[in-house]
Amino acid sequence: MDKDYNMWGSGFWMEKNTTIELQQLIQLTQKFLTFTQSLLEKGSITQDQYIKMTEQKLHFLEKVKTGIEG
């Protein structure tokens, strides 16, 4: 078993992993928003496509939040 798991208990281990996963999700979301913004600025996508993409991302994040708050 993992040393942190034995030393701190399962609650700490799960909280630590959840925090790391949330940080990764935030970073990925920031990259996604930067990428979609650049596509919009270059004219590769329309304003409507940009709105749909960001709305879908927001919907996904709301589902994640609901799952965490559970």
C-alpha atoms as a PDB file:
ATOM      1  CA  MET A   1       0.000   0.000   0.000  1.00  0.00           C
ATOM      2  CA  ASP A   2       0.960   3.594  -0.517  1.00  0.00           C
ATOM      3  CA  LYS A   3       2.877   5.164   2.362  1.00  0.00           C
ATOM      4  CA  ASP A   4       0.579   8.247   2.385  1.00  0.00           C
ATOM      5  CA  TYR A   5      -2.434   5.957   2.539  1.00  0.00           C
ATOM      6  CA  ASN A   6      -1.096   4.124   5.587  1.00  0.00           C
ATOM      7  CA  MET A   7       0.173   7.243   7.317  1.00  0.00           C
ATOM      8  CA  TRP A   8      -2.786   9.574   6.847  1.00  0.00           C
ATOM      9  CA  GLY A   9      -5.753   7.309   6.228  1.00  0.00           C
ATOM     10  CA  SER A  10      -8.000   6.923   3.238  1.00  0.00           C
ATOM     11  CA  GLY A  11      -9.734  10.297   3.678  1.00  0.00           C
ATOM     12  CA  PHE A  12      -6.505  12.236   3.231  1.00  0.00           C
ATOM     13  CA  TRP A  13      -5.426  10.074   0.300  1.00  0.00           C
ATOM     14  CA  MET A  14      -8.724  10.562  -1.541  1.00  0.00           C
ATOM     15  CA  GLU A  15      -8.772  14.298  -0.820  1.00  0.00           C
ATOM     16  CA  LYS A  16      -5.195  14.660  -2.072  1.00  0.00           C
ATOM     17  CA  ASN A  17      -5.984  12.806  -5.314  1.00  0.00           C
ATOM     18  CA  THR A  18      -9.196  14.776  -5.854  1.00  0.00           C
ATOM     19  CA  THR A  19      -7.297  18.042  -5.427  1.00  0.00           C
ATOM     20  CA  ILE A  20      -4.686  16.982  -7.976  1.00  0.00           C
ATOM     21  CA  GLU A  21      -7.377  15.911 -10.444  1.00  0.00           C
ATOM     22  CA  LEU A  22      -9.233  19.201 -10.000  1.00  0.00           C
ATOM     23  CA  GLN A  23      -6.024  21.158 -10.599  1.00  0.00           C
ATOM     24  CA  GLN A  24      -5.449  19.166 -13.785  1.00  0.00           C
ATOM     25  CA  LEU A  25      -9.042  19.789 -14.886  1.00  0.00           C
ATOM     26  CA  ILE A  26      -8.625  23.532 -14.307  1.00  0.00           C
ATOM     27  CA  GLN A  27      -5.402  23.579 -16.340  1.00  0.00           C
ATOM     28  CA  LEU A  28      -7.009  21.609 -19.155  1.00  0.00           C
ATOM     29  CA  THR A  29     -10.021  23.930 -19.162  1.00  0.00           C
ATOM     30  CA  GLN A  30      -7.737  26.973 -19.375  1.00  0.00           C
ATOM     31  CA  LYS A  31      -5.926  25.413 -22.348  1.00  0.00           C
ATOM     32  CA  PHE A  32      -9.259  24.603 -24.001  1.00  0.00           C
ATOM     33  CA  LEU A  33     -10.500  28.180 -23.598  1.00  0.00           C
ATOM     34  CA  THR A  34      -7.235  29.602 -24.935  1.00  0.00           C
ATOM     35  CA  PHE A  35      -7.354  27.219 -27.902  1.00  0.00           C
ATOM     36  CA  THR A  36     -10.976  27.952 -28.789  1.00  0.00           C
ATOM     37  CA  GLN A  37     -10.359  31.693 -28.434  1.00  0.00           C
ATOM     38  CA  SER A  38      -7.430  31.446 -30.858  1.00  0.00           C
ATOM     39  CA  LEU A  39      -9.592  29.514 -33.336  1.00  0.00           C
ATOM     40  CA  LEU A  40     -12.196  32.250 -33.147  1.00  0.00           C
ATOM     41  CA  GLU A  41      -9.621  35.022 -33.594  1.00  0.00           C
ATOM     42  CA  LYS A  42      -8.082  33.249 -36.626  1.00  0.00           C
ATOM     43  CA  GLY A  43     -11.498  32.813 -38.190  1.00  0.00           C
ATOM     44  CA  SER A  44     -11.250  29.014 -38.067  1.00  0.00           C
ATOM     45  CA  ILE A  45     -14.574  28.837 -36.235  1.00  0.00           C
ATOM     46  CA  THR A  46     -17.589  31.104 -36.125  1.00  0.00           C
ATOM     47  CA  GLN A  47     -18.872  32.983 -33.107  1.00  0.00           C
ATOM     48  CA  ASP A  48     -21.766  30.485 -32.914  1.00  0.00           C
ATOM     49  CA  GLN A  49     -19.363  27.518 -32.928  1.00  0.00           C
ATOM     50  CA  TYR A  50     -17.296  29.176 -30.204  1.00  0.00           C
ATOM     51  CA  ILE A  51     -20.382  29.743 -28.065  1.00  0.00           C
ATOM     52  CA  LYS A  52     -21.531  26.132 -28.507  1.00  0.00           C
ATOM     53  CA  MET A  53     -18.084  24.779 -27.639  1.00  0.00           C
ATOM     54  CA  THR A  54     -17.790  26.872 -24.494  1.00  0.00           C
ATOM     55  CA  GLU A  55     -21.375  26.117 -23.447  1.00  0.00           C
ATOM     56  CA  GLN A  56     -20.672  22.389 -23.783  1.00  0.00           C
ATOM     57  CA  LYS A  57     -17.541  22.786 -21.672  1.00  0.00           C
ATOM     58  CA  LEU A  58     -19.514  24.695 -19.037  1.00  0.00           C
ATOM     59  CA  HIS A  59     -22.184  21.979 -19.009  1.00  0.00           C
ATOM     60  CA  PHE A  60     -19.461  19.344 -18.513  1.00  0.00           C
ATOM     61  CA  LEU A  61     -17.901  21.310 -15.637  1.00  0.00           C
ATOM     62  CA  GLU A  62     -21.296  21.697 -13.976  1.00  0.00           C
ATOM     63  CA  LYS A  63     -21.732  17.901 -14.123  1.00  0.00           C
ATOM     64  CA  VAL A  64     -18.299  17.444 -12.547  1.00  0.00           C
ATOM     65  CA  LYS A  65     -19.165  19.935  -9.802  1.00  0.00           C
ATOM     66  CA  THR A  66     -22.448  18.137  -9.099  1.00  0.00           C
ATOM     67  CA  GLY A  67     -20.597  14.824  -8.894  1.00  0.00           C
ATOM     68  CA  ILE A  68     -18.090  16.220  -6.412  1.00  0.00           C
ATOM     69  CA  GLU A  69     -20.708  17.858  -4.227  1.00  0.00           C
ATOM     70  CA  GLY A  70     -22.785  14.704  -4.645  1.00  0.00           C
END
